[in-house]
Protein backbone atom coordinates (compact mmCIF):
# COMPACT_ATOMS: atom_id res chain seq x y z
CA UNK A 1 -14.83 18.17 47.11
CA UNK A 2 -18.20 18.05 46.20
CA UNK A 3 -20.07 15.88 43.96
CA UNK A 4 -21.44 17.52 41.16
CA UNK A 5 -24.33 15.16 41.63
CA UNK A 6 -25.07 16.91 45.32
CA UNK A 7 -25.17 20.25 43.51
CA UNK A 8 -28.10 19.68 41.33
CA UNK A 9 -31.87 20.83 42.40
CA UNK A 10 -34.61 18.68 41.59
CA UNK A 11 -36.71 21.55 40.74
CA UNK A 12 -33.98 23.14 38.24
CA UNK A 13 -32.14 19.81 37.26
CA UNK A 14 -29.26 22.14 36.35
CA UNK A 15 -26.36 21.87 39.08
CA UNK A 16 -24.54 25.47 39.80
CA UNK A 17 -21.95 24.24 37.71
CA UNK A 18 -24.15 23.68 34.55
CA UNK A 19 -26.11 27.02 35.32
CA UNK A 20 -22.64 29.03 35.38
CA UNK A 21 -20.72 27.52 32.34
CA UNK A 22 -24.73 28.26 30.33
CA UNK A 23 -25.04 31.42 31.24
CA UNK A 24 -21.71 33.02 31.30
CA UNK A 25 -20.47 30.75 28.23
CA UNK A 26 -23.90 32.78 26.76
CA UNK A 27 -22.59 36.09 27.68
CA UNK A 28 -19.11 35.21 26.27
CA UNK A 29 -20.30 34.23 23.35
CA UNK A 30 -22.54 37.25 22.53
CA UNK A 31 -19.22 39.66 23.71
CA UNK A 32 -17.16 36.88 20.76
CA UNK A 33 -19.58 37.83 18.04
CA UNK A 34 -19.82 41.20 18.80
CA UNK A 35 -15.80 41.29 18.06
CA UNK A 36 -15.79 39.11 15.28
CA UNK A 37 -18.36 41.06 13.52
CA UNK A 38 -16.55 44.53 13.86
CA UNK A 39 -13.41 42.61 12.73
CA UNK A 40 -15.50 41.02 9.48
CA UNK A 41 -14.44 36.96 10.57
CA UNK A 42 -17.99 36.37 11.79
CA UNK A 43 -19.24 36.87 8.25
CA UNK A 44 -15.90 34.97 6.58
CA UNK A 45 -16.10 32.05 8.55
CA UNK A 46 -17.33 28.87 6.74
CA UNK A 47 -20.08 26.15 7.42
CA UNK A 48 -17.61 23.63 8.74
CA UNK A 49 -19.03 20.97 6.56
CA UNK A 50 -19.63 22.76 3.69
CA UNK A 51 -16.43 25.03 3.02
CA UNK A 52 -13.76 22.05 4.26
CA UNK A 53 -11.39 21.84 1.98
CA UNK A 54 -10.70 17.31 1.22
CA UNK A 55 -7.09 16.87 0.29
CA UNK A 56 -8.73 13.25 -0.66
CA UNK A 57 -11.61 14.38 -2.64
CA UNK A 58 -11.05 12.71 -6.10
CA UNK A 59 -8.66 14.68 -8.47
CA UNK A 60 -8.28 14.30 -12.37
CA UNK A 61 -4.97 12.22 -13.69
CA UNK A 62 -2.91 13.74 -16.08
CA UNK A 63 -4.87 12.17 -19.10
CA UNK A 64 -7.34 8.67 -19.47
CA UNK A 65 -6.10 6.26 -16.95
CA UNK A 66 -6.49 2.56 -17.45
CA UNK A 67 -7.06 1.79 -14.10
CA UNK A 68 -8.46 4.04 -10.67
CA UNK A 69 -6.68 2.05 -8.31
CA UNK A 70 -3.78 -0.20 -7.21
CA UNK A 71 -3.09 -3.28 -4.95
CA UNK A 72 0.62 -4.66 -4.67
CA UNK A 73 0.94 -7.86 -3.19
CA UNK A 74 4.90 -7.50 -1.60
CA UNK A 75 6.71 -11.02 -0.37
CA UNK A 76 9.05 -9.22 1.62
CA UNK A 77 12.39 -10.39 2.09
CA UNK A 78 12.89 -11.32 -1.77
CA UNK A 79 11.23 -14.45 -3.42
CA UNK A 80 13.82 -16.43 -5.66
CA UNK A 81 12.91 -15.66 -9.13
CA UNK A 82 15.26 -19.00 -10.44
CA UNK A 83 12.24 -21.16 -8.29
CA UNK A 84 9.14 -19.63 -9.01
CA UNK A 85 8.38 -17.54 -12.82
CA UNK A 86 11.95 -17.98 -13.92
CA UNK A 87 12.92 -21.63 -14.70
CA UNK A 88 16.73 -22.56 -16.02
CA UNK A 89 17.42 -25.97 -16.77
CA UNK A 90 20.85 -24.64 -16.74
CA UNK A 91 21.24 -24.86 -13.08
CA UNK A 92 20.34 -27.90 -13.27
CA UNK A 93 22.56 -29.04 -15.67
CA UNK A 94 25.31 -27.51 -14.11
CA UNK A 95 24.39 -27.41 -10.30
CA UNK A 96 27.51 -28.22 -8.27
CA UNK A 97 29.68 -26.12 -10.52
CA UNK A 98 31.11 -22.40 -9.92
CA UNK A 99 29.68 -19.44 -11.95
CA UNK A 100 31.70 -18.51 -14.96
CA UNK A 101 34.14 -15.68 -14.64
CA UNK A 102 32.67 -13.81 -17.18
CA UNK A 103 29.71 -12.98 -14.81
CA UNK A 104 29.95 -9.70 -13.33
CA UNK A 105 29.71 -9.37 -9.62
CA UNK A 106 28.33 -5.36 -9.29
CA UNK A 107 25.74 -5.44 -6.98
CA UNK A 108 25.77 -8.75 -5.85
CA UNK A 109 26.72 -9.45 -2.56
CA UNK A 110 27.53 -13.32 -3.29
CA UNK A 111 31.68 -13.74 -4.88
CA UNK A 112 31.29 -17.64 -3.95
CA UNK A 113 29.10 -20.70 -3.69
CA UNK A 114 28.05 -23.05 -6.28
CA UNK A 115 25.38 -23.21 -8.44
CA UNK A 116 21.82 -24.48 -7.21
CA UNK A 117 18.81 -26.36 -9.28
CA UNK A 118 15.74 -25.55 -7.84
CA UNK A 119 13.97 -27.90 -5.92
CA UNK A 120 10.34 -27.19 -7.99
CA UNK A 121 9.58 -28.73 -10.91
CA UNK A 122 8.47 -25.96 -13.63
CA UNK A 123 5.19 -26.67 -16.16
CA UNK A 124 3.59 -24.56 -18.74
CA UNK A 125 0.41 -22.97 -18.38
CA UNK A 126 -2.78 -22.16 -19.72
CA UNK A 127 -2.92 -21.04 -23.69
CA UNK A 128 0.43 -18.59 -23.01
CA UNK A 129 2.39 -21.50 -22.07
CA UNK A 130 3.87 -19.51 -19.88
CA UNK A 131 6.20 -21.46 -16.92
CA UNK A 132 5.85 -21.60 -13.51
CA UNK A 133 6.94 -23.54 -10.75
CA UNK A 134 4.86 -25.84 -8.48
CA UNK A 135 5.16 -23.76 -5.48
CA UNK A 136 1.75 -21.55 -7.54
CA UNK A 137 -0.56 -24.35 -8.99
CA UNK A 138 -3.59 -22.26 -7.93
CA UNK A 139 -2.12 -18.76 -9.40
CA UNK A 140 -0.78 -20.54 -12.31
CA UNK A 141 -4.36 -20.94 -13.34
CA UNK A 142 -4.25 -17.44 -14.03
CA UNK A 143 -1.07 -17.47 -15.96
CA UNK A 144 -3.08 -16.40 -19.13
CA UNK A 145 -4.35 -12.87 -17.54
CA UNK A 146 -0.55 -11.95 -15.70
CA UNK A 147 2.24 -9.83 -17.18
CA UNK A 148 5.46 -11.88 -15.94
CA UNK A 149 8.23 -9.31 -15.80
CA UNK A 150 11.31 -11.45 -16.15
CA UNK A 151 13.91 -8.94 -16.22
CA UNK A 152 13.54 -6.52 -12.77
CA UNK A 153 16.85 -4.91 -11.84
CA UNK A 154 17.53 -3.00 -8.45
CA UNK A 155 20.54 -1.22 -7.48
CA UNK A 156 21.06 -2.75 -4.02
CA UNK A 157 20.99 -6.08 -2.33
CA UNK A 158 20.60 -5.35 1.25
CA UNK A 159 17.12 -5.25 2.42
CA UNK A 160 16.30 -1.87 3.81
CA UNK A 161 17.33 0.06 0.91
CA UNK A 162 16.00 -2.25 -1.34
CA UNK A 163 12.45 -2.03 0.64
CA UNK A 164 13.08 1.87 0.33
CA UNK A 165 13.67 2.45 -3.36
CA UNK A 166 10.99 -0.30 -4.25
CA UNK A 167 8.60 1.70 -1.91
CA UNK A 168 9.67 4.96 -2.12
CA UNK A 169 11.79 5.75 -5.10
CA UNK A 170 15.31 6.58 -2.82
CA UNK A 171 17.38 4.20 -0.44
CA UNK A 172 17.66 6.69 1.90
CA UNK A 173 14.71 7.18 4.37
CA UNK A 174 12.52 9.24 4.57
CA UNK A 175 11.09 10.43 0.60
CA UNK A 176 7.20 9.92 -0.02
CA UNK A 177 6.08 6.47 -0.63
CA UNK A 178 4.04 5.53 -3.87
CA UNK A 179 0.92 5.10 -2.36
CA UNK A 180 1.42 8.49 -0.87
CA UNK A 181 1.92 9.94 -3.93
CA UNK A 182 -0.86 8.52 -5.29
CA UNK A 183 -3.42 9.77 -2.95
CA UNK A 184 -1.83 12.81 -3.81
CA UNK A 185 -2.07 12.98 -7.29
CA UNK A 186 -5.73 11.40 -7.62
CA UNK A 187 -7.65 11.98 -3.85
CA UNK A 188 -9.61 8.73 -3.18
CA UNK A 189 -12.99 7.55 -4.12
CA UNK A 190 -14.32 6.77 -0.83
CA UNK A 191 -13.72 10.34 1.54
CA UNK A 192 -15.04 7.49 4.77
CA UNK A 193 -11.57 5.38 4.91
CA UNK A 194 -8.26 6.10 4.02
CA UNK A 195 -7.24 6.74 0.77
CA UNK A 196 -4.23 4.32 0.98
CA UNK A 197 -4.07 1.48 3.38
CA UNK A 198 -1.08 -1.13 4.14
CA UNK A 199 -1.74 -4.76 5.38
CA UNK A 200 0.43 -6.30 7.34
CA UNK A 201 0.47 -8.65 10.73
CA UNK A 202 3.34 -6.75 12.92
CA UNK A 203 6.01 -4.73 10.32
CA UNK A 204 8.67 -5.26 7.33
CA UNK A 205 11.98 -4.00 7.97
CA UNK A 206 12.13 -0.05 8.03
CA UNK A 207 8.80 -0.18 8.79
CA UNK A 208 6.43 2.67 8.47
CA UNK A 209 9.34 4.38 6.22
CA UNK A 210 7.53 2.16 3.44
CA UNK A 211 4.15 3.83 3.94
CA UNK A 212 5.70 7.40 4.64
CA UNK A 213 4.12 10.47 3.26
CA UNK A 214 7.63 12.12 4.09
CA UNK A 215 6.89 16.47 2.85
CA UNK A 216 3.82 15.20 1.15
CA UNK A 217 0.76 16.38 3.51
CA UNK A 218 0.34 13.70 6.57
CA UNK A 219 -2.85 12.90 5.12
CA UNK A 220 -1.60 10.84 2.59
CA UNK A 221 0.41 8.87 4.95
CA UNK A 222 -0.77 4.74 4.18
CA UNK A 223 -2.35 3.81 7.62
CA UNK A 224 -1.13 0.57 8.88
CA UNK A 225 -3.55 -2.24 9.90
CA UNK A 226 -2.08 -4.75 11.68
CA UNK A 227 -4.24 -8.03 10.27
CA UNK A 228 -3.05 -10.41 13.03
CA UNK A 229 -6.25 -9.73 14.46
CA UNK A 230 -9.35 -9.58 11.92
CA UNK A 231 -12.29 -8.26 14.77
CA UNK A 232 -13.37 -5.16 13.42
CA UNK A 233 -14.02 -3.61 16.60
CA UNK A 234 -10.61 -4.41 17.58
CA UNK A 235 -8.46 -4.31 14.32
CA UNK A 236 -8.22 -0.30 14.18
CA UNK A 237 -8.10 0.99 17.75
CA UNK A 238 -10.27 3.77 19.53
CA UNK A 239 -12.38 3.76 16.01
CA UNK A 240 -15.41 3.66 18.30
CA UNK A 241 -16.34 6.57 20.90
CA UNK A 242 -16.95 4.99 24.30
CA UNK A 243 -18.26 8.76 26.01
CA UNK A 244 -20.33 10.03 23.06
CA UNK A 245 -23.57 9.37 20.54
CA UNK A 246 -22.55 10.33 17.16
CA UNK A 247 -25.08 12.95 17.01
CA UNK A 248 -23.06 14.92 20.21
CA UNK A 249 -19.81 13.23 18.62
CA UNK A 250 -20.25 15.47 14.93
CA UNK A 251 -21.69 18.81 17.37
CA UNK A 252 -18.31 18.71 19.20
CA UNK A 253 -16.22 18.06 16.05
CA UNK A 254 -18.35 21.06 14.40
CA UNK A 255 -17.62 23.38 16.99
CA UNK A 256 -13.80 21.87 16.70
CA UNK A 257 -13.51 22.95 12.79
CA UNK A 258 -15.51 26.11 13.14
CA UNK A 259 -12.49 27.27 15.44
CA UNK A 260 -9.66 25.74 13.44
CA UNK A 261 -11.00 27.36 10.43
CA UNK A 262 -10.96 30.69 12.33
CA UNK A 263 -7.37 29.80 13.09
CA UNK A 264 -6.64 28.78 9.64
CA UNK A 265 -8.29 31.78 8.08
CA UNK A 266 -5.81 33.97 9.68
CA UNK A 267 -2.68 32.44 8.40
CA UNK A 268 -0.72 31.41 5.48
CA UNK A 269 -1.66 28.19 3.57
CA UNK A 270 -0.30 25.06 5.73
CA UNK A 271 -1.02 21.29 4.56
CA UNK A 272 -0.11 20.54 8.15
CA UNK A 273 -2.97 22.06 9.43
CA UNK A 274 -5.34 20.87 6.45
CA UNK A 275 -4.25 17.76 6.95
CA UNK A 276 -4.78 17.86 10.71
CA UNK A 277 -8.74 19.02 9.80
CA UNK A 278 -9.43 16.41 7.26
CA UNK A 279 -7.98 13.41 9.14
CA UNK A 280 -10.57 14.86 12.36
CA UNK A 281 -13.36 14.48 10.08
CA UNK A 282 -12.04 11.28 8.46
CA UNK A 283 -11.79 10.06 11.79
CA UNK A 284 -15.30 10.67 12.56
CA UNK A 285 -16.50 8.77 9.15
CA UNK A 286 -14.61 5.89 9.58
CA UNK A 287 -16.88 5.21 12.58
CA UNK A 288 -19.60 4.03 10.53
CA UNK A 289 -17.79 2.35 7.44
CA UNK A 290 -14.42 1.15 8.44
CA UNK A 291 -16.09 -1.35 11.29
CA UNK A 292 -18.35 -2.81 7.65
CA UNK A 293 -15.18 -2.98 5.74
CA UNK A 294 -13.20 -4.75 7.68
CA UNK A 295 -15.70 -7.18 9.30
CA UNK A 296 -14.82 -10.28 6.94
CA UNK A 297 -18.09 -12.13 8.85
CA UNK A 298 -19.98 -10.52 6.30
CA UNK A 299 -18.90 -12.39 3.82
CA UNK A 300 -20.02 -15.74 2.31
CA UNK A 301 -18.83 -19.07 3.56
CA UNK A 302 -18.25 -20.24 0.10
CA UNK A 303 -16.09 -17.38 -0.06
CA UNK A 304 -14.12 -17.68 2.60
CA UNK A 305 -13.64 -21.26 1.40
CA UNK A 306 -12.20 -19.90 -1.99
CA UNK A 307 -9.30 -17.34 -0.06
CA UNK A 308 -7.95 -20.05 2.46
CA UNK A 309 -7.24 -19.68 6.34
CA UNK A 310 -4.80 -17.45 7.42
CA UNK A 311 -3.45 -13.91 7.46
CA UNK A 312 -2.32 -13.48 4.26
CA UNK A 313 -5.49 -15.28 3.08
CA UNK A 314 -7.52 -12.37 5.62
CA UNK A 315 -5.38 -10.08 3.92
CA UNK A 316 -6.42 -10.65 0.11
CA UNK A 317 -9.90 -10.74 0.93
CA UNK A 318 -10.05 -7.36 3.27
CA UNK A 319 -7.95 -6.02 0.20
CA UNK A 320 -10.84 -6.65 -1.85
CA UNK A 321 -13.06 -5.53 0.14
CA UNK A 322 -11.50 -2.01 0.22
CA UNK A 323 -10.54 -1.90 -3.45
CA UNK A 324 -14.84 -2.32 -3.88
CA UNK A 325 -15.04 0.61 -1.48
CA UNK A 326 -13.35 2.90 -3.21
CA UNK A 327 -9.87 2.61 -1.57
CA UNK A 328 -6.69 3.89 -3.80
CA UNK A 329 -4.51 1.72 -2.83
CA UNK A 330 -4.17 -1.72 -0.63
CA UNK A 331 -0.60 -2.50 -0.04
CA UNK A 332 -0.46 -5.97 1.48
CA UNK A 333 2.59 -6.87 3.23
CA UNK A 334 3.18 -11.24 3.15
CA UNK A 335 4.30 -11.41 6.97
CA UNK A 336 6.34 -9.55 9.84
CA UNK A 337 9.95 -8.91 9.19
CA UNK A 338 11.42 -10.56 6.15
CA UNK A 339 9.74 -14.11 6.02
CA UNK A 340 10.55 -14.54 2.02
CA UNK A 341 14.36 -14.44 3.59
CA UNK A 342 15.58 -17.89 3.04
CA UNK A 343 19.49 -18.03 3.05
CA UNK A 344 19.21 -21.62 4.97
CA UNK A 345 16.70 -23.42 2.58
CA UNK A 346 15.23 -22.44 0.42
CA UNK A 347 12.25 -25.57 0.11
CA UNK A 348 11.12 -22.91 2.55
CA UNK A 349 9.60 -21.18 0.22
CA UNK A 350 7.02 -23.52 -0.44
CA UNK A 351 5.46 -23.35 2.95
CA UNK A 352 5.34 -19.61 2.16
CA UNK A 353 3.68 -20.16 -1.23
CA UNK A 354 1.27 -22.84 0.33
CA UNK A 355 -0.16 -19.33 2.53
CA UNK A 356 0.40 -17.10 -0.22
CA UNK A 357 -0.75 -18.98 -3.80
CA UNK A 358 -4.88 -20.10 -2.75
CA UNK A 359 -5.62 -16.17 -1.48
CA UNK A 360 -3.90 -14.64 -4.81
CA UNK A 361 -5.30 -16.61 -7.15
CA UNK A 362 -9.16 -16.26 -5.54
CA UNK A 363 -8.27 -12.56 -5.05
CA UNK A 364 -7.64 -12.18 -9.03
CA UNK A 365 -11.05 -14.22 -9.56
CA UNK A 366 -12.89 -12.37 -7.28
CA UNK A 367 -11.92 -8.70 -9.32
CA UNK A 368 -12.98 -10.46 -12.32
CA UNK A 369 -16.20 -11.88 -10.89
CA UNK A 370 -17.04 -8.40 -9.28
CA UNK A 371 -16.09 -6.26 -11.77
CA UNK A 372 -12.91 -4.68 -10.84
CA UNK A 373 -10.60 -6.27 -12.75
CA UNK A 374 -10.66 -3.58 -15.74
CA UNK A 375 -9.84 -0.86 -13.12
CA UNK A 376 -7.19 -2.45 -10.94
CA UNK A 377 -3.49 -3.50 -10.83
CA UNK A 378 -2.60 -6.17 -8.94
CA UNK A 379 1.33 -5.98 -8.51
CA UNK A 380 3.28 -9.02 -7.39
CA UNK A 381 6.80 -9.03 -6.06
CA UNK A 382 9.28 -8.28 -3.46
CA UNK A 383 12.61 -6.06 -2.82
CA UNK A 384 15.12 -8.08 -4.99
CA UNK A 385 14.98 -12.05 -5.96
CA UNK A 386 18.07 -14.17 -5.41
CA UNK A 387 20.90 -15.75 -6.06
CA UNK A 388 21.13 -18.94 -8.70
CA UNK A 389 24.39 -20.06 -6.49
CA UNK A 390 23.81 -21.96 -3.27
CA UNK A 391 24.44 -19.89 0.46
CA UNK A 392 25.71 -22.97 2.68
CA UNK A 393 24.44 -26.18 1.37
CA UNK A 394 20.53 -25.19 0.41
CA UNK A 395 19.79 -21.46 1.15
CA UNK A 396 20.11 -18.53 -1.66
CA UNK A 397 21.60 -14.91 -0.46
CA UNK A 398 19.92 -11.79 -2.11
CA UNK A 399 19.98 -10.85 -5.61
CA UNK A 400 19.55 -7.63 -6.92
CA UNK A 401 20.89 -8.13 -11.08
CA UNK A 402 17.84 -10.03 -12.02
CA UNK A 403 14.50 -11.14 -10.68
CA UNK A 404 10.89 -11.46 -11.33
CA UNK A 405 7.59 -9.58 -10.63
CA UNK A 406 4.36 -10.06 -12.40
CA UNK A 407 1.21 -7.25 -12.86
CA UNK A 408 -2.28 -8.13 -13.92
CA UNK A 409 -5.74 -6.12 -14.21
CA UNK A 410 -6.08 -2.94 -15.94
CA UNK A 411 -4.10 -1.60 -18.92
CA UNK A 412 -2.00 -4.85 -19.22
CA UNK A 413 -0.97 -7.54 -21.47
CA UNK A 414 -2.46 -10.79 -20.83
CA UNK A 415 -0.26 -14.50 -20.91
CA UNK A 416 2.89 -12.31 -21.64
CA UNK A 417 6.42 -12.11 -20.61
CA UNK A 418 8.64 -9.49 -20.51
CA UNK A 419 12.55 -9.78 -20.74
CA UNK A 420 14.96 -12.37 -19.37
CA UNK A 421 17.99 -13.01 -17.63
CA UNK A 422 20.67 -15.07 -18.75
CA UNK A 423 20.85 -18.47 -18.63
CA UNK A 424 21.56 -18.83 -14.78
CA UNK A 425 18.91 -16.56 -14.27
CA UNK A 426 22.01 -14.04 -12.41
CA UNK A 427 21.47 -11.12 -14.61
CA UNK A 428 18.50 -9.14 -17.18
CA UNK A 429 19.89 -9.17 -20.23
CA UNK A 430 16.74 -8.78 -22.32
CA UNK A 431 14.67 -5.66 -21.79
CA UNK A 432 16.15 -5.17 -18.24
CA UNK A 433 13.54 -3.12 -16.53
CA UNK A 434 14.42 -0.93 -13.43
CA UNK A 435 12.45 -0.59 -10.51
CA UNK A 436 12.25 2.83 -11.53
CA UNK A 437 10.58 1.75 -14.86
CA UNK A 438 8.22 -0.13 -12.78
CA UNK A 439 7.00 2.99 -10.97
CA UNK A 440 6.68 5.23 -14.30
CA UNK A 441 4.88 2.42 -15.83
CA UNK A 442 2.13 2.23 -12.83
CA UNK A 443 1.72 5.69 -12.56
CA UNK A 444 1.53 6.00 -16.23
CA UNK A 445 -1.60 3.17 -15.86
CA UNK A 446 -3.33 5.51 -13.38
CA UNK A 447 -3.05 8.71 -15.41
CA UNK A 448 -0.22 9.69 -14.39
CA UNK A 449 3.03 11.25 -15.91
CA UNK A 450 5.99 10.84 -13.35
CA UNK A 451 8.19 13.23 -14.46
CA UNK A 452 4.79 15.87 -14.45
CA UNK A 453 3.96 14.26 -10.65
CA UNK A 454 6.36 16.69 -8.49
CA UNK A 455 6.23 18.21 -5.30
CA UNK A 456 8.69 21.66 -4.23
CA UNK A 457 10.85 20.34 -1.30
CA UNK A 458 14.15 21.41 -0.01
CA UNK A 459 14.95 23.85 -3.20
CA UNK A 460 14.01 21.77 -6.02
CA UNK A 461 11.16 19.92 -7.52
CA UNK A 462 11.07 15.81 -6.30
CA UNK A 463 9.24 13.25 -7.67
CA UNK A 464 8.88 9.65 -7.05
CA UNK A 465 11.28 8.50 -10.47
CA UNK A 466 13.76 11.05 -8.85
CA UNK A 467 15.52 12.12 -12.28
CA UNK A 468 15.36 8.27 -13.79
CA UNK A 469 12.33 6.13 -15.31
CA UNK A 470 11.12 5.21 -18.14
CA UNK A 471 7.81 3.58 -19.39
CA UNK A 472 7.36 0.27 -20.58
CA UNK A 473 5.14 0.18 -23.14
CA UNK A 474 5.90 -2.97 -24.13
CA UNK A 475 4.12 -4.21 -20.95
CA UNK A 476 0.64 -1.96 -21.81
CA UNK A 477 -2.41 -3.69 -24.14
């Protein structure tokens, strides 16, 4: 085969292939223009930049929101409430005894085991005097800004259904995640970055189902970033085009998008096609802003030191950078798989807390310092809690009947404790708050009525909270 370069002539600078391509293409386009004009399609074809409908464009909420963005700090594996934010002196007093027979065992995996005292010490903090264990000394300094829920409960004490219910409102795959619902309803303030970003150094149990768009348009799926690597040029694969300049890419994309729009106009509305068209535009725009947004080297040394070192610390700093750039939802999974799942020895919680305590506190302080506090919701928690009884000698099993989470930021009460579990931390008995109630309350803070946020699929209107969920007004400032 004759090399392409050998066909070039010094006089023209064009190869025979180039000449045929340009002349033949021109003649073809003339004919195509005539056909399109006769069919009245050319005049109707929109300019690709002006007429593109952007499904991530900001949308009006149902009513005035208390906040505009969400950061969810997800402690996958299930942190123990009785070792973190729910002190139980009775566990110490009755350590080694059996849980009384009067306690119902529904939705609990443990029917044996002795009551296990917490190996961690609780102390009151701040003006509110809320008790926090010595696992979280940095977060404890912010306790007067937190809304601690001690009466959470869920439907299943196993990881997969617990994770799915907390993230998608359904224990079975595959339903849209809360982040997908939020970008579907509200869009995003930044059109050069995904509206929903998931940071996890690996994958939690269940994996992508937890940030799936399911039947919602594909553009609302969470974008998973593996933050094990913080090099901005490697953290998003193929973010830079190695072959074309930005101007050449823009020219190429305009041509492709004009053909896509012609294709689209001859067909009924298609969310999947619209999402694909929008994703091409975002992929082009991300080349500039994504590299800058994930570049932690742009932060001062003082800021880096405040967050500390490690994967979770880097993720918290990335979350702040993404929040201030208008990303609607950022979810951080603490680590790969289910690290908080301490069946063998609950003192392993200390290692997890040491890696997350300082970064979380730095994130809270940073949001305040940068004017992001009042319109950002921060949520901390896992898929469930852990039993007050021992598993083996020193571990705790999964537990769904009562556990703790906390929220902070826009529209939430500060220095407030909501609800309570019984004296052993076994079951939520005062102001019990279901996962659906949490989801309904988060949506409400963001200006959305969870009963009105629906999508018609498979013959019925489906929503995040199914047919349940109540807004917990006690949490609202």
